[in-house]
């Protein structure tokens, strides 16, 4: 396994609201598994809130109170999902674009393609 130089952003914040990070090569370790499970739970909650939002929006009788609660819950879920996306994005392997041959600027389209 190659050495791990990146910190993993964890799906929860510290008591002061600051981000928490994990530094380990062990993807099967306790904290890594806990973080994976927490991320999955957060994504599931966000999906359920999305469906609930559609239900609330279709029933206008409960709008004022229900919408306020829904927006607060969705804001928290969006924060969590964003953190999951950032964490997972940082763990993707780096990609290197393919090298072009000297003088080759990539695919060329005829002028007729542009109208």
PDB file of N, CA and C in Angstrom:
ATOM      1  N   UNK A   1       0.849  -1.171   0.000  1.00  0.00           N
ATOM      2  CA  UNK A   1       0.000   0.000   0.000  1.00  0.00           C
ATOM      3  C   UNK A   1       0.895   1.234   0.000  1.00  0.00           C
ATOM      4  N   UNK A   2       0.518   2.234  -0.791  1.00  0.00           N
ATOM      5  CA  UNK A   2       1.315   3.448  -0.836  1.00  0.00           C
ATOM      6  C   UNK A   2       1.069   4.281   0.412  1.00  0.00           C
ATOM      7  N   UNK A   3       2.061   5.055   0.823  1.00  0.00           N
ATOM      8  CA  UNK A   3       1.883   5.868   2.022  1.00  0.00           C
ATOM      9  C   UNK A   3       0.733   6.858   1.850  1.00  0.00           C
ATOM     10  N   UNK A   4       0.030   7.091   2.922  1.00  0.00           N
ATOM     11  CA  UNK A   4      -1.132   7.981   2.910  1.00  0.00           C
ATOM     12  C   UNK A   4      -0.684   9.355   3.382  1.00  0.00           C
ATOM     13  N   UNK A   5      -0.770  10.343   2.487  1.00  0.00           N
ATOM     14  CA  UNK A   5      -0.318  11.686   2.833  1.00  0.00           C
ATOM     15  C   UNK A   5      -1.464  12.654   3.059  1.00  0.00           C
ATOM     16  N   UNK A   6      -2.665  12.247   2.774  1.00  0.00           N
ATOM     17  CA  UNK A   6      -3.817  13.120   2.895  1.00  0.00           C
ATOM     18  C   UNK A   6      -4.587  12.808   4.169  1.00  0.00           C
ATOM     19  N   UNK A   7      -5.132  13.827   4.764  1.00  0.00           N
ATOM     20  CA  UNK A   7      -6.026  13.641   5.896  1.00  0.00           C
ATOM     21  C   UNK A   7      -7.430  13.426   5.358  1.00  0.00           C
ATOM     22  N   UNK A   8      -8.176  12.557   5.990  1.00  0.00           N
ATOM     23  CA  UNK A   8      -9.558  12.312   5.595  1.00  0.00           C
ATOM     24  C   UNK A   8     -10.476  13.226   6.406  1.00  0.00           C
ATOM     25  N   UNK A   9     -11.284  14.007   5.719  1.00  0.00           N
ATOM     26  CA  UNK A   9     -12.279  14.831   6.385  1.00  0.00           C
ATOM     27  C   UNK A   9     -13.371  13.908   6.895  1.00  0.00           C
ATOM     28  N   UNK A  10     -13.614  13.937   8.185  1.00  0.00           N
ATOM     29  CA  UNK A  10     -14.616  13.063   8.786  1.00  0.00           C
ATOM     30  C   UNK A  10     -16.009  13.680   8.663  1.00  0.00           C
ATOM     31  N   UNK A  11     -17.048  12.851   8.677  1.00  0.00           N
ATOM     32  CA  UNK A  11     -18.412  13.359   8.453  1.00  0.00           C
ATOM     33  C   UNK A  11     -19.061  13.973   9.693  1.00  0.00           C
ATOM     34  N   UNK A  12     -18.273  14.436  10.620  1.00  0.00           N
ATOM     35  CA  UNK A  12     -18.817  15.118  11.789  1.00  0.00           C
ATOM     36  C   UNK A  12     -17.857  16.240  12.164  1.00  0.00           C
ATOM     37  N   UNK A  13     -18.345  17.155  12.967  1.00  0.00           N
ATOM     38  CA  UNK A  13     -17.537  18.285  13.429  1.00  0.00           C
ATOM     39  C   UNK A  13     -17.153  18.069  14.885  1.00  0.00           C
ATOM     40  N   UNK A  14     -16.150  18.802  15.312  1.00  0.00           N
ATOM     41  CA  UNK A  14     -15.751  18.775  16.711  1.00  0.00           C
ATOM     42  C   UNK A  14     -16.724  19.595  17.542  1.00  0.00           C
ATOM     43  N   UNK A  15     -16.549  19.595  18.861  1.00  0.00           N
ATOM     44  CA  UNK A  15     -17.463  20.320  19.753  1.00  0.00           C
ATOM     45  C   UNK A  15     -17.535  21.816  19.447  1.00  0.00           C
ATOM     46  N   UNK A  16     -16.463  22.359  18.878  1.00  0.00           N
ATOM     47  CA  UNK A  16     -16.435  23.783  18.557  1.00  0.00           C
ATOM     48  C   UNK A  16     -16.919  24.068  17.138  1.00  0.00           C
ATOM     49  N   UNK A  17     -17.419  23.025  16.433  1.00  0.00           N
ATOM     50  CA  UNK A  17     -17.921  23.191  15.075  1.00  0.00           C
ATOM     51  C   UNK A  17     -16.857  23.119  13.997  1.00  0.00           C
ATOM     52  N   UNK A  18     -15.610  22.927  14.400  1.00  0.00           N
ATOM     53  CA  UNK A  18     -14.523  22.841  13.427  1.00  0.00           C
ATOM     54  C   UNK A  18     -14.457  21.436  12.839  1.00  0.00           C
ATOM     55  N   UNK A  19     -13.937  21.298  11.610  1.00  0.00           N
ATOM     56  CA  UNK A  19     -13.853  19.978  10.977  1.00  0.00           C
ATOM     57  C   UNK A  19     -12.925  19.036  11.729  1.00  0.00           C
ATOM     58  N   UNK A  20     -13.222  17.742  11.612  1.00  0.00           N
ATOM     59  CA  UNK A  20     -12.382  16.690  12.191  1.00  0.00           C
ATOM     60  C   UNK A  20     -11.736  15.916  11.046  1.00  0.00           C
ATOM     61  N   UNK A  21     -10.507  15.489  11.256  1.00  0.00           N
ATOM     62  CA  UNK A  21      -9.768  14.764  10.229  1.00  0.00           C
ATOM     63  C   UNK A  21      -9.207  13.473  10.805  1.00  0.00           C
ATOM     64  N   UNK A  22      -8.973  12.503   9.906  1.00  0.00           N
ATOM     65  CA  UNK A  22      -8.387  11.224  10.275  1.00  0.00           C
ATOM     66  C   UNK A  22      -7.150  11.006   9.427  1.00  0.00           C
ATOM     67  N   UNK A  23      -6.063  10.626  10.061  1.00  0.00           N
ATOM     68  CA  UNK A  23      -4.835  10.320   9.354  1.00  0.00           C
ATOM     69  C   UNK A  23      -4.503   8.862   9.587  1.00  0.00           C
ATOM     70  N   UNK A  24      -4.736   8.032   8.568  1.00  0.00           N
ATOM     71  CA  UNK A  24      -4.421   6.612   8.684  1.00  0.00           C
ATOM     72  C   UNK A  24      -4.378   5.985   7.301  1.00  0.00           C
ATOM     73  N   UNK A  25      -3.596   4.935   7.164  1.00  0.00           N
ATOM     74  CA  UNK A  25      -3.574   4.142   5.940  1.00  0.00           C
ATOM     75  C   UNK A  25      -4.574   3.000   6.022  1.00  0.00           C
ATOM     76  N   UNK A  26      -5.121   2.752   7.208  1.00  0.00           N
ATOM     77  CA  UNK A  26      -5.986   1.604   7.448  1.00  0.00           C
ATOM     78  C   UNK A  26      -7.442   1.955   7.132  1.00  0.00           C
ATOM     79  N   UNK A  27      -7.881   1.620   5.917  1.00  0.00           N
ATOM     80  CA  UNK A  27      -9.268   1.913   5.519  1.00  0.00           C
ATOM     81  C   UNK A  27     -10.263   1.011   6.238  1.00  0.00           C
ATOM     82  N   UNK A  28      -9.780  -0.050   6.850  1.00  0.00           N
ATOM     83  CA  UNK A  28     -10.647  -0.962   7.578  1.00  0.00           C
ATOM     84  C   UNK A  28     -10.605  -0.736   9.079  1.00  0.00           C
ATOM     85  N   UNK A  29      -9.936   0.321   9.516  1.00  0.00           N
ATOM     86  CA  UNK A  29      -9.839   0.618  10.941  1.00  0.00           C
ATOM     87  C   UNK A  29     -11.186   1.075  11.495  1.00  0.00           C
ATOM     88  N   UNK A  30     -11.280   1.075  12.816  1.00  0.00           N
ATOM     89  CA  UNK A  30     -12.535   1.406  13.480  1.00  0.00           C
ATOM     90  C   UNK A  30     -13.064   2.774  13.068  1.00  0.00           C
ATOM     91  N   UNK A  31     -12.228   3.815  13.156  1.00  0.00           N
ATOM     92  CA  UNK A  31     -12.695   5.163  12.820  1.00  0.00           C
ATOM     93  C   UNK A  31     -13.042   5.298  11.343  1.00  0.00           C
ATOM     94  N   UNK A  32     -12.276   4.654  10.469  1.00  0.00           N
ATOM     95  CA  UNK A  32     -12.578   4.716   9.035  1.00  0.00           C
ATOM     96  C   UNK A  32     -13.926   4.048   8.750  1.00  0.00           C
ATOM     97  N   UNK A  33     -14.178   2.906   9.375  1.00  0.00           N
ATOM     98  CA  UNK A  33     -15.469   2.219   9.189  1.00  0.00           C
ATOM     99  C   UNK A  33     -16.613   3.043   9.772  1.00  0.00           C
ATOM    100  N   UNK A  34     -16.392   3.643  10.945  1.00  0.00           N
ATOM    101  CA  UNK A  34     -17.402   4.492  11.559  1.00  0.00           C
ATOM    102  C   UNK A  34     -17.716   5.684  10.649  1.00  0.00           C
ATOM    103  N   UNK A  35     -16.684   6.277  10.075  1.00  0.00           N
ATOM    104  CA  UNK A  35     -16.885   7.395   9.156  1.00  0.00           C
ATOM    105  C   UNK A  35     -17.648   6.949   7.914  1.00  0.00           C
ATOM    106  N   UNK A  36     -17.285   5.794   7.346  1.00  0.00           N
ATOM    107  CA  UNK A  36     -18.003   5.269   6.173  1.00  0.00           C
ATOM    108  C   UNK A  36     -19.484   5.056   6.493  1.00  0.00           C
ATOM    109  N   UNK A  37     -19.763   4.437   7.633  1.00  0.00           N
ATOM    110  CA  UNK A  37     -21.156   4.184   8.033  1.00  0.00           C
ATOM    111  C   UNK A  37     -21.916   5.487   8.281  1.00  0.00           C
ATOM    112  N   UNK A  38     -21.258   6.457   8.891  1.00  0.00           N
ATOM    113  CA  UNK A  38     -21.893   7.746   9.146  1.00  0.00           C
ATOM    114  C   UNK A  38     -22.194   8.462   7.838  1.00  0.00           C
ATOM    115  N   UNK A  39     -21.263   8.403   6.879  1.00  0.00           N
ATOM    116  CA  UNK A  39     -21.499   9.022   5.574  1.00  0.00           C
ATOM    117  C   UNK A  39     -22.717   8.402   4.894  1.00  0.00           C
ATOM    118  N   UNK A  40     -22.794   7.078   4.922  1.00  0.00           N
ATOM    119  CA  UNK A  40     -23.934   6.406   4.299  1.00  0.00           C
ATOM    120  C   UNK A  40     -25.247   6.825   4.955  1.00  0.00           C
ATOM    121  N   UNK A  41     -25.246   6.907   6.272  1.00  0.00           N
ATOM    122  CA  UNK A  41     -26.430   7.332   7.001  1.00  0.00           C
ATOM    123  C   UNK A  41     -26.808   8.766   6.612  1.00  0.00           C
ATOM    124  N   UNK A  42     -25.831   9.648   6.539  1.00  0.00           N
ATOM    125  CA  UNK A  42     -26.096  11.037   6.168  1.00  0.00           C
ATOM    126  C   UNK A  42     -26.674  11.126   4.759  1.00  0.00           C
ATOM    127  N   UNK A  43     -26.152  10.333   3.837  1.00  0.00           N
ATOM    128  CA  UNK A  43     -26.674  10.347   2.468  1.00  0.00           C
ATOM    129  C   UNK A  43     -28.098   9.802   2.424  1.00  0.00           C
ATOM    130  N   UNK A  44     -28.383   8.767   3.207  1.00  0.00           N
ATOM    131  CA  UNK A  44     -29.742   8.222   3.274  1.00  0.00           C
ATOM    132  C   UNK A  44     -30.720   9.246   3.839  1.00  0.00           C
ATOM    133  N   UNK A  45     -30.306   9.952   4.891  1.00  0.00           N
ATOM    134  CA  UNK A  45     -31.169  10.971   5.492  1.00  0.00           C
ATOM    135  C   UNK A  45     -31.454  12.074   4.473  1.00  0.00           C
ATOM    136  N   UNK A  46     -30.448  12.480   3.730  1.00  0.00           N
ATOM    137  CA  UNK A  46     -30.642  13.529   2.720  1.00  0.00           C
ATOM    138  C   UNK A  46     -31.634  13.073   1.655  1.00  0.00           C
ATOM    139  N   UNK A  47     -31.545  11.815   1.237  1.00  0.00           N
ATOM    140  CA  UNK A  47     -32.480  11.294   0.234  1.00  0.00           C
ATOM    141  C   UNK A  47     -33.900  11.284   0.786  1.00  0.00           C
ATOM    142  N   UNK A  48     -34.060  10.858   2.029  1.00  0.00           N
ATOM    143  CA  UNK A  48     -35.387  10.842   2.658  1.00  0.00           C
ATOM    144  C   UNK A  48     -35.954  12.258   2.796  1.00  0.00           C
ATOM    145  N   UNK A  49     -35.105  13.212   3.146  1.00  0.00           N
ATOM    146  CA  UNK A  49     -35.561  14.596   3.258  1.00  0.00           C
ATOM    147  C   UNK A  49     -35.988  15.149   1.909  1.00  0.00           C
ATOM    148  N   UNK A  50     -35.294  14.753   0.861  1.00  0.00           N
ATOM    149  CA  UNK A  50     -35.688  15.186  -0.482  1.00  0.00           C
ATOM    150  C   UNK A  50     -37.086  14.702  -0.830  1.00  0.00           C
ATOM    151  N   UNK A  51     -37.368  13.452  -0.514  1.00  0.00           N
ATOM    152  CA  UNK A  51     -38.706  12.914  -0.768  1.00  0.00           C
ATOM    153  C   UNK A  51     -39.739  13.584   0.132  1.00  0.00           C
ATOM    154  N   UNK A  52     -39.380  13.828   1.386  1.00  0.00           N
ATOM    155  CA  UNK A  52     -40.294  14.487   2.309  1.00  0.00           C
ATOM    156  C   UNK A  52     -40.602  15.911   1.835  1.00  0.00           C
ATOM    157  N   UNK A  53     -39.619  16.571   1.267  1.00  0.00           N
ATOM    158  CA  UNK A  53     -39.824  17.929   0.758  1.00  0.00           C
ATOM    159  C   UNK A  53     -40.904  17.943  -0.313  1.00  0.00           C
ATOM    160  N   UNK A  54     -40.883  16.950  -1.183  1.00  0.00           N
ATOM    161  CA  UNK A  54     -41.910  16.881  -2.231  1.00  0.00           C
ATOM    162  C   UNK A  54     -43.296  16.700  -1.623  1.00  0.00           C
ATOM    163  N   UNK A  55     -43.387  15.895  -0.571  1.00  0.00           N
ATOM    164  CA  UNK A  55     -44.681  15.700   0.106  1.00  0.00           C
ATOM    165  C   UNK A  55     -45.159  17.001   0.754  1.00  0.00           C
ATOM    166  N   UNK A  56     -44.260  17.694   1.443  1.00  0.00           N
ATOM    167  CA  UNK A  56     -44.629  18.937   2.121  1.00  0.00           C
ATOM    168  C   UNK A  56     -45.071  19.983   1.102  1.00  0.00           C
ATOM    169  N   UNK A  57     -44.352  20.066   0.012  1.00  0.00           N
ATOM    170  CA  UNK A  57     -44.687  21.068  -1.000  1.00  0.00           C
ATOM    171  C   UNK A  57     -46.015  20.785  -1.687  1.00  0.00           C
ATOM    172  N   UNK A  58     -46.448  19.531  -1.668  1.00  0.00           N
ATOM    173  CA  UNK A  58     -47.733  19.210  -2.297  1.00  0.00           C
ATOM    174  C   UNK A  58     -48.912  19.432  -1.350  1.00  0.00           C
ATOM    175  N   UNK A  59     -48.648  19.629  -0.039  1.00  0.00           N
ATOM    176  CA  UNK A  59     -49.704  19.838   0.954  1.00  0.00           C
ATOM    177  C   UNK A  59     -49.542  21.228   1.550  1.00  0.00           C
ATOM    178  N   UNK A  60     -50.252  22.197   1.016  1.00  0.00           N
ATOM    179  CA  UNK A  60     -50.066  23.600   1.408  1.00  0.00           C
ATOM    180  C   UNK A  60     -50.668  23.926   2.772  1.00  0.00           C
ATOM    181  N   UNK A  61     -51.449  23.062   3.361  1.00  0.00           N
ATOM    182  CA  UNK A  61     -52.079  23.369   4.643  1.00  0.00           C
ATOM    183  C   UNK A  61     -51.064  23.524   5.771  1.00  0.00           C
ATOM    184  N   UNK A  62     -50.005  22.736   5.750  1.00  0.00           N
ATOM    185  CA  UNK A  62     -49.021  22.757   6.834  1.00  0.00           C
ATOM    186  C   UNK A  62     -47.776  23.575   6.494  1.00  0.00           C
ATOM    187  N   UNK A  63     -47.855  24.413   5.509  1.00  0.00           N
ATOM    188  CA  UNK A  63     -46.654  25.090   5.026  1.00  0.00           C
ATOM    189  C   UNK A  63     -45.862  25.866   6.054  1.00  0.00           C
ATOM    190  N   UNK A  64     -46.393  26.817   6.771  1.00  0.00           N
ATOM    191  CA  UNK A  64     -45.502  27.672   7.583  1.00  0.00           C
ATOM    192  C   UNK A  64     -44.611  26.892   8.550  1.00  0.00           C
ATOM    193  N   UNK A  65     -45.189  26.105   9.417  1.00  0.00           N
ATOM    194  CA  UNK A  65     -44.377  25.390  10.411  1.00  0.00           C
ATOM    195  C   UNK A  65     -43.585  24.253   9.785  1.00  0.00           C
ATOM    196  N   UNK A  66     -44.243  23.484   8.946  1.00  0.00           N
ATOM    197  CA  UNK A  66     -43.589  22.326   8.335  1.00  0.00           C
ATOM    198  C   UNK A  66     -42.447  22.761   7.414  1.00  0.00           C
ATOM    199  N   UNK A  67     -42.648  23.827   6.670  1.00  0.00           N
ATOM    200  CA  UNK A  67     -41.579  24.308   5.784  1.00  0.00           C
ATOM    201  C   UNK A  67     -40.366  24.778   6.571  1.00  0.00           C
ATOM    202  N   UNK A  68     -40.601  25.470   7.669  1.00  0.00           N
ATOM    203  CA  UNK A  68     -39.486  25.941   8.487  1.00  0.00           C
ATOM    204  C   UNK A  68     -38.662  24.763   8.996  1.00  0.00           C
ATOM    205  N   UNK A  69     -39.330  23.738   9.522  1.00  0.00           N
ATOM    206  CA  UNK A  69     -38.623  22.550  10.002  1.00  0.00           C
ATOM    207  C   UNK A  69     -37.902  21.835   8.871  1.00  0.00           C
ATOM    208  N   UNK A  70     -38.582  21.715   7.737  1.00  0.00           N
ATOM    209  CA  UNK A  70     -37.994  21.038   6.591  1.00  0.00           C
ATOM    210  C   UNK A  70     -36.731  21.760   6.118  1.00  0.00           C
ATOM    211  N   UNK A  71     -36.811  23.071   6.015  1.00  0.00           N
ATOM    212  CA  UNK A  71     -35.648  23.834   5.550  1.00  0.00           C
ATOM    213  C   UNK A  71     -34.488  23.693   6.531  1.00  0.00           C
ATOM    214  N   UNK A  72     -34.769  23.711   7.816  1.00  0.00           N
ATOM    215  CA  UNK A  72     -33.697  23.538   8.803  1.00  0.00           C
ATOM    216  C   UNK A  72     -33.065  22.151   8.672  1.00  0.00           C
ATOM    217  N   UNK A  73     -33.899  21.123   8.534  1.00  0.00           N
ATOM    218  CA  UNK A  73     -33.378  19.763   8.382  1.00  0.00           C
ATOM    219  C   UNK A  73     -32.584  19.616   7.085  1.00  0.00           C
ATOM    220  N   UNK A  74     -33.108  20.200   6.013  1.00  0.00           N
ATOM    221  CA  UNK A  74     -32.426  20.082   4.723  1.00  0.00           C
ATOM    222  C   UNK A  74     -31.106  20.845   4.720  1.00  0.00           C
ATOM    223  N   UNK A  75     -31.050  21.971   5.414  1.00  0.00           N
ATOM    224  CA  UNK A  75     -29.798  22.718   5.498  1.00  0.00           C
ATOM    225  C   UNK A  75     -28.731  21.880   6.211  1.00  0.00           C
ATOM    226  N   UNK A  76     -29.125  21.198   7.273  1.00  0.00           N
ATOM    227  CA  UNK A  76     -28.182  20.316   7.965  1.00  0.00           C
ATOM    228  C   UNK A  76     -27.757  19.150   7.093  1.00  0.00           C
ATOM    229  N   UNK A  77     -28.709  18.561   6.374  1.00  0.00           N
ATOM    230  CA  UNK A  77     -28.387  17.442   5.489  1.00  0.00           C
ATOM    231  C   UNK A  77     -27.480  17.894   4.349  1.00  0.00           C
ATOM    232  N   UNK A  78     -27.738  19.076   3.809  1.00  0.00           N
ATOM    233  CA  UNK A  78     -26.897  19.599   2.730  1.00  0.00           C
ATOM    234  C   UNK A  78     -25.472  19.819   3.228  1.00  0.00           C
ATOM    235  N   UNK A  79     -25.326  20.340   4.444  1.00  0.00           N
ATOM    236  CA  UNK A  79     -24.000  20.520   5.039  1.00  0.00           C
ATOM    237  C   UNK A  79     -23.287  19.168   5.144  1.00  0.00           C
ATOM    238  N   UNK A  80     -24.014  18.140   5.613  1.00  0.00           N
ATOM    239  CA  UNK A  80     -23.420  16.810   5.772  1.00  0.00           C
ATOM    240  C   UNK A  80     -23.036  16.202   4.429  1.00  0.00           C
ATOM    241  N   UNK A  81     -23.925  16.314   3.442  1.00  0.00           N
ATOM    242  CA  UNK A  81     -23.652  15.730   2.126  1.00  0.00           C
ATOM    243  C   UNK A  81     -22.476  16.443   1.464  1.00  0.00           C
ATOM    244  N   UNK A  82     -22.392  17.753   1.653  1.00  0.00           N
ATOM    245  CA  UNK A  82     -21.256  18.505   1.104  1.00  0.00           C
ATOM    246  C   UNK A  82     -19.959  18.005   1.729  1.00  0.00           C
ATOM    247  N   UNK A  83     -19.965  17.775   3.032  1.00  0.00           N
ATOM    248  CA  UNK A  83     -18.770  17.278   3.723  1.00  0.00           C
ATOM    249  C   UNK A  83     -18.397  15.895   3.193  1.00  0.00           C
ATOM    250  N   UNK A  84     -19.393  15.036   2.962  1.00  0.00           N
ATOM    251  CA  UNK A  84     -19.130  13.701   2.414  1.00  0.00           C
ATOM    252  C   UNK A  84     -18.501  13.830   1.024  1.00  0.00           C
ATOM    253  N   UNK A  85     -19.065  14.702   0.188  1.00  0.00           N
ATOM    254  CA  UNK A  85     -18.544  14.873  -1.171  1.00  0.00           C
ATOM    255  C   UNK A  85     -17.104  15.384  -1.150  1.00  0.00           C
ATOM    256  N   UNK A  86     -16.825  16.342  -0.293  1.00  0.00           N
ATOM    257  CA  UNK A  86     -15.452  16.868  -0.195  1.00  0.00           C
ATOM    258  C   UNK A  86     -14.514  15.770   0.269  1.00  0.00           C
ATOM    259  N   UNK A  87     -14.914  15.027   1.296  1.00  0.00           N
ATOM    260  CA  UNK A  87     -14.065  13.967   1.829  1.00  0.00           C
ATOM    261  C   UNK A  87     -13.791  12.904   0.767  1.00  0.00           C
ATOM    262  N   UNK A  88     -14.836  12.481   0.075  1.00  0.00           N
ATOM    263  CA  UNK A  88     -14.652  11.444  -0.944  1.00  0.00           C
ATOM    264  C   UNK A  88     -13.869  11.966  -2.134  1.00  0.00           C
ATOM    265  N   UNK A  89     -14.073  13.222  -2.479  1.00  0.00           N
ATOM    266  CA  UNK A  89     -13.314  13.814  -3.582  1.00  0.00           C
ATOM    267  C   UNK A  89     -11.827  13.854  -3.291  1.00  0.00           C
ATOM    268  N   UNK A  90     -11.481  14.148  -2.044  1.00  0.00           N
ATOM    269  CA  UNK A  90     -10.068  14.180  -1.664  1.00  0.00           C
ATOM    270  C   UNK A  90      -9.436  12.796  -1.682  1.00  0.00           C
ATOM    271  N   UNK A  91     -10.258  11.761  -1.565  1.00  0.00           N
ATOM    272  CA  UNK A  91      -9.717  10.400  -1.539  1.00  0.00           C
ATOM    273  C   UNK A  91      -9.637   9.770  -2.922  1.00  0.00           C
ATOM    274  N   UNK A  92     -10.111  10.468  -3.968  1.00  0.00           N
ATOM    275  CA  UNK A  92     -10.001   9.939  -5.321  1.00  0.00           C
ATOM    276  C   UNK A  92      -8.545   9.972  -5.761  1.00  0.00           C
ATOM    277  N   UNK A  93      -8.132   8.984  -6.541  1.00  0.00           N
ATOM    278  CA  UNK A  93      -6.746   9.014  -7.020  1.00  0.00           C
ATOM    279  C   UNK A  93      -6.573  10.178  -7.996  1.00  0.00           C
ATOM    280  N   UNK A  94      -5.407  10.799  -7.983  1.00  0.00           N
ATOM    281  CA  UNK A  94      -5.178  11.906  -8.919  1.00  0.00           C
ATOM    282  C   UNK A  94      -5.213  11.388 -10.359  1.00  0.00           C
ATOM    283  N   UNK A  95      -5.711  12.207 -11.240  1.00  0.00           N
ATOM    284  CA  UNK A  95      -5.747  11.829 -12.652  1.00  0.00           C
ATOM    285  C   UNK A  95      -4.796  12.720 -13.427  1.00  0.00           C
ATOM    286  N   UNK A  96      -4.171  12.142 -14.411  1.00  0.00           N
ATOM    287  CA  UNK A  96      -3.241  12.873 -15.266  1.00  0.00           C
ATOM    288  C   UNK A  96      -3.817  12.827 -16.676  1.00  0.00           C
ATOM    289  N   UNK A  97      -4.033  13.984 -17.294  1.00  0.00           N
ATOM    290  CA  UNK A  97      -4.567  13.967 -18.651  1.00  0.00           C
ATOM    291  C   UNK A  97      -3.572  13.307 -19.598  1.00  0.00           C
ATOM    292  N   UNK A  98      -4.074  12.619 -20.622  1.00  0.00           N
ATOM    293  CA  UNK A  98      -3.156  11.968 -21.568  1.00  0.00           C
ATOM    294  C   UNK A  98      -2.317  13.022 -22.285  1.00  0.00           C
ATOM    295  N   UNK A  99      -1.078  12.650 -22.534  1.00  0.00           N
ATOM    296  CA  UNK A  99      -0.185  13.580 -23.208  1.00  0.00           C
ATOM    297  C   UNK A  99      -0.478  13.592 -24.701  1.00  0.00           C
ATOM    298  N   UNK A 100      -0.434  14.766 -25.296  1.00  0.00           N
ATOM    299  CA  UNK A 100      -0.620  14.908 -26.742  1.00  0.00           C
ATOM    300  C   UNK A 100       0.746  14.855 -27.399  1.00  0.00           C
ATOM    301  N   UNK A 101       0.758  14.378 -28.636  1.00  0.00           N
ATOM    302  CA  UNK A 101       2.016  14.366 -29.377  1.00  0.00           C
ATOM    303  C   UNK A 101       2.383  15.797 -29.730  1.00  0.00           C
ATOM    304  N   UNK A 102       3.650  16.022 -30.044  1.00  0.00           N
ATOM    305  CA  UNK A 102       4.124  17.371 -30.369  1.00  0.00           C
ATOM    306  C   UNK A 102       3.280  17.967 -31.483  1.00  0.00           C
ATOM    307  N   UNK A 103       2.751  19.159 -31.238  1.00  0.00           N
ATOM    308  CA  UNK A 103       1.956  19.856 -32.243  1.00  0.00           C
ATOM    309  C   UNK A 103       0.507  19.417 -32.287  1.00  0.00           C
ATOM    310  N   UNK A 104       0.163  18.355 -31.577  1.00  0.00           N
ATOM    311  CA  UNK A 104      -1.222  17.867 -31.564  1.00  0.00           C
ATOM    312  C   UNK A 104      -1.996  18.606 -30.484  1.00  0.00           C
ATOM    313  N   UNK A 105      -3.023  19.312 -30.878  1.00  0.00           N
ATOM    314  CA  UNK A 105      -3.821  20.079 -29.928  1.00  0.00           C
ATOM    315  C   UNK A 105      -5.119  19.374 -29.591  1.00  0.00           C
ATOM    316  N   UNK A 106      -5.169  18.082 -29.783  1.00  0.00           N
ATOM    317  CA  UNK A 106      -6.370  17.327 -29.473  1.00  0.00           C
ATOM    318  C   UNK A 106      -7.235  17.146 -30.713  1.00  0.00           C
ATOM    319  N   UNK A 107      -8.461  16.649 -30.513  1.00  0.00           N
ATOM    320  CA  UNK A 107      -9.341  16.396 -31.647  1.00  0.00           C
ATOM    321  C   UNK A 107      -9.671  17.691 -32.386  1.00  0.00           C
ATOM    322  N   UNK A 108      -9.724  17.595 -33.685  1.00  0.00           N
ATOM    323  CA  UNK A 108     -10.043  18.746 -34.516  1.00  0.00           C
ATOM    324  C   UNK A 108     -11.377  18.502 -35.210  1.00  0.00           C
ATOM    325  N   UNK A 109     -12.234  19.491 -35.221  1.00  0.00           N
ATOM    326  CA  UNK A 109     -13.522  19.397 -35.904  1.00  0.00           C
ATOM    327  C   UNK A 109     -13.475  20.284 -37.143  1.00  0.00           C
ATOM    328  N   UNK A 110     -14.133  19.829 -38.203  1.00  0.00           N
ATOM    329  CA  UNK A 110     -14.179  20.694 -39.395  1.00  0.00           C
ATOM    330  C   UNK A 110     -15.028  21.935 -39.101  1.00  0.00           C
ATOM    331  N   UNK A 111     -14.757  23.016 -39.813  1.00  0.00           N
ATOM    332  CA  UNK A 111     -15.478  24.274 -39.604  1.00  0.00           C
ATOM    333  C   UNK A 111     -16.971  24.096 -39.809  1.00  0.00           C
ATOM    334  N   UNK A 112     -17.366  23.172 -40.661  1.00  0.00           N
ATOM    335  CA  UNK A 112     -18.796  22.940 -40.931  1.00  0.00           C
ATOM    336  C   UNK A 112     -19.540  22.454 -39.683  1.00  0.00           C
ATOM    337  N   UNK A 113     -18.814  21.896 -38.732  1.00  0.00           N
ATOM    338  CA  UNK A 113     -19.444  21.409 -37.513  1.00  0.00           C
ATOM    339  C   UNK A 113     -20.034  22.542 -36.680  1.00  0.00           C
ATOM    340  N   UNK A 114     -19.563  23.738 -36.899  1.00  0.00           N
ATOM    341  CA  UNK A 114     -19.993  24.882 -36.113  1.00  0.00           C
ATOM    342  C   UNK A 114     -21.045  25.732 -36.822  1.00  0.00           C
ATOM    343  N   UNK A 115     -21.572  25.238 -37.929  1.00  0.00           N
ATOM    344  CA  UNK A 115     -22.678  25.926 -38.605  1.00  0.00           C
ATOM    345  C   UNK A 115     -22.185  26.796 -39.654  1.00  0.00           C
TER     346      UNK A 115
END
